[in-house]
Amino acid sequence: MEALLALVIGVLGGSGIWLVLRPRTFQVIMGLTLLSYAVNLFIFSMGSIFIDKPPLVRPGVPADLQHYTDPMPQSLVLTAIVIGFATTALFLVVLLASRGFSGTDHVDGTREEP
């Protein structure tokens, strides 16, 4: 399971970096989104991922990570998802405004020939 998670994080990170280096603005935005997914999975995997273990302390059960899942990575990832969604929406609005002003979404400002 750890190897599969590491492979998924590597593929998302590599694809995100490849898209960030592309000349079109929309591809850069998609690359940043993939990079944020990779970082979120990495942060989430750093917390102790256990199935059927609650993140909240219950009475009568010792308060250690053998009986619980660490809630901090979960809260960080949830916050990062919300901030990433808002940032992506802002990037898309800026992209549409830039395309309206310049007529293209290339970084260097050149137009494509049909």
Protein backbone atom coordinates (compact mmCIF):
# COMPACT_ATOMS: atom_id res chain seq x y z
CA MET A 1 0.00 0.00 0.00
CA GLU A 2 2.85 2.39 0.83
CA ALA A 3 4.50 1.75 -2.54
CA LEU A 4 1.25 2.46 -4.38
CA LEU A 5 0.73 5.69 -2.42
CA ALA A 6 4.33 6.77 -3.11
CA LEU A 7 3.85 5.98 -6.82
CA VAL A 8 0.64 8.00 -6.99
CA ILE A 9 2.27 10.96 -5.22
CA GLY A 10 5.25 10.75 -7.61
CA VAL A 11 3.08 10.59 -10.73
CA LEU A 12 0.91 13.50 -9.56
CA GLY A 13 3.99 15.55 -8.66
CA GLY A 14 5.79 14.78 -11.92
CA SER A 15 2.70 15.50 -14.02
CA GLY A 16 2.14 18.72 -12.11
CA ILE A 17 5.71 19.91 -12.67
CA TRP A 18 5.50 19.01 -16.38
CA LEU A 19 2.27 21.00 -16.74
CA VAL A 20 3.63 23.99 -14.80
CA LEU A 21 6.48 24.22 -17.34
CA ARG A 22 4.06 24.42 -20.29
CA PRO A 23 3.56 27.79 -22.06
CA ARG A 24 -0.24 27.98 -21.77
CA THR A 25 -1.85 29.48 -18.71
CA PHE A 26 -4.57 26.86 -18.32
CA GLN A 27 -1.97 24.08 -18.31
CA VAL A 28 -0.04 25.92 -15.61
CA ILE A 29 -3.19 26.14 -13.48
CA MET A 30 -3.88 22.43 -13.94
CA GLY A 31 -0.24 21.69 -13.03
CA LEU A 32 -0.55 23.71 -9.82
CA THR A 33 -3.72 21.79 -9.00
CA LEU A 34 -1.99 18.44 -9.52
CA LEU A 35 0.94 19.60 -7.39
CA SER A 36 -1.44 20.59 -4.61
CA TYR A 37 -3.08 17.14 -4.79
CA ALA A 38 0.36 15.52 -4.52
CA VAL A 39 1.30 17.65 -1.52
CA ASN A 40 -2.07 16.95 0.14
CA LEU A 41 -1.61 13.20 -0.29
CA PHE A 42 1.93 13.48 1.07
CA ILE A 43 0.78 15.39 4.16
CA PHE A 44 -2.10 12.97 4.65
CA SER A 45 0.23 9.98 4.40
CA MET A 46 2.56 11.47 7.02
CA GLY A 47 -0.20 11.12 9.60
CA SER A 48 -0.75 7.62 10.88
CA ILE A 49 -3.30 6.24 8.43
CA PHE A 50 -5.35 3.53 10.09
CA ILE A 51 -8.68 2.03 9.09
CA ASP A 52 -11.46 2.09 11.70
CA LYS A 53 -9.54 4.17 14.23
CA PRO A 54 -11.15 7.45 15.31
CA PRO A 55 -9.24 10.76 15.41
CA LEU A 56 -10.94 11.79 18.71
CA VAL A 57 -10.03 10.58 22.19
CA ARG A 58 -12.65 8.37 23.83
CA PRO A 59 -12.99 7.75 27.57
CA GLY A 60 -11.39 4.54 28.78
CA VAL A 61 -8.96 4.20 25.86
CA PRO A 62 -5.30 5.29 26.24
CA ALA A 63 -4.49 8.50 24.37
CA ASP A 64 -1.71 7.22 22.10
CA LEU A 65 -1.33 6.72 18.35
CA GLN A 66 -1.83 2.95 18.65
CA HIS A 67 -5.54 3.53 19.24
CA TYR A 68 -6.14 6.73 17.28
CA THR A 69 -5.40 8.42 14.00
CA ASP A 70 -3.53 11.73 14.19
CA PRO A 71 -6.11 14.47 13.44
CA MET A 72 -3.58 17.20 12.57
CA PRO A 73 -2.74 16.02 9.01
CA GLN A 74 -6.46 15.55 8.33
CA SER A 75 -7.23 19.11 9.38
CA LEU A 76 -4.27 20.50 7.42
CA VAL A 77 -5.34 18.68 4.26
CA LEU A 78 -8.95 19.82 4.65
CA THR A 79 -7.79 23.42 5.04
CA ALA A 80 -5.46 23.07 2.05
CA ILE A 81 -8.31 21.74 -0.10
CA VAL A 82 -10.49 24.74 0.71
CA ILE A 83 -7.68 27.23 0.12
CA GLY A 84 -6.66 25.45 -3.10
CA PHE A 85 -10.22 25.57 -4.41
CA ALA A 86 -10.46 29.32 -3.72
CA THR A 87 -7.03 29.96 -5.27
CA THR A 88 -7.93 27.96 -8.39
CA ALA A 89 -11.15 29.95 -8.76
CA LEU A 90 -9.16 33.19 -8.47
CA PHE A 91 -6.61 31.95 -11.05
CA LEU A 92 -9.41 31.07 -13.47
CA VAL A 93 -10.96 34.54 -13.12
CA VAL A 94 -7.57 36.15 -13.75
CA LEU A 95 -7.07 33.81 -16.73
CA LEU A 96 -10.39 34.80 -18.26
CA ALA A 97 -9.67 38.51 -17.72
CA SER A 98 -6.20 38.16 -19.24
CA ARG A 99 -7.60 36.29 -22.22
CA GLY A 100 -10.22 39.01 -22.69
CA PHE A 101 -7.58 41.75 -22.68
CA SER A 102 -4.93 40.06 -24.82
CA GLY A 103 -6.94 37.57 -26.88
CA THR A 104 -4.61 34.68 -25.98
CA ASP A 105 -3.62 32.60 -23.00
CA HIS A 106 0.02 32.07 -23.97
CA VAL A 107 2.55 33.24 -21.44
CA ASP A 108 4.61 35.12 -24.04
CA GLY A 109 1.53 36.81 -25.54
CA THR A 110 1.82 35.30 -29.03
CA ARG A 111 -1.28 34.21 -30.88
CA GLU A 112 -1.80 30.77 -32.37
CA GLU A 113 -2.50 30.47 -36.07
CA PRO A 114 -5.63 28.41 -36.86
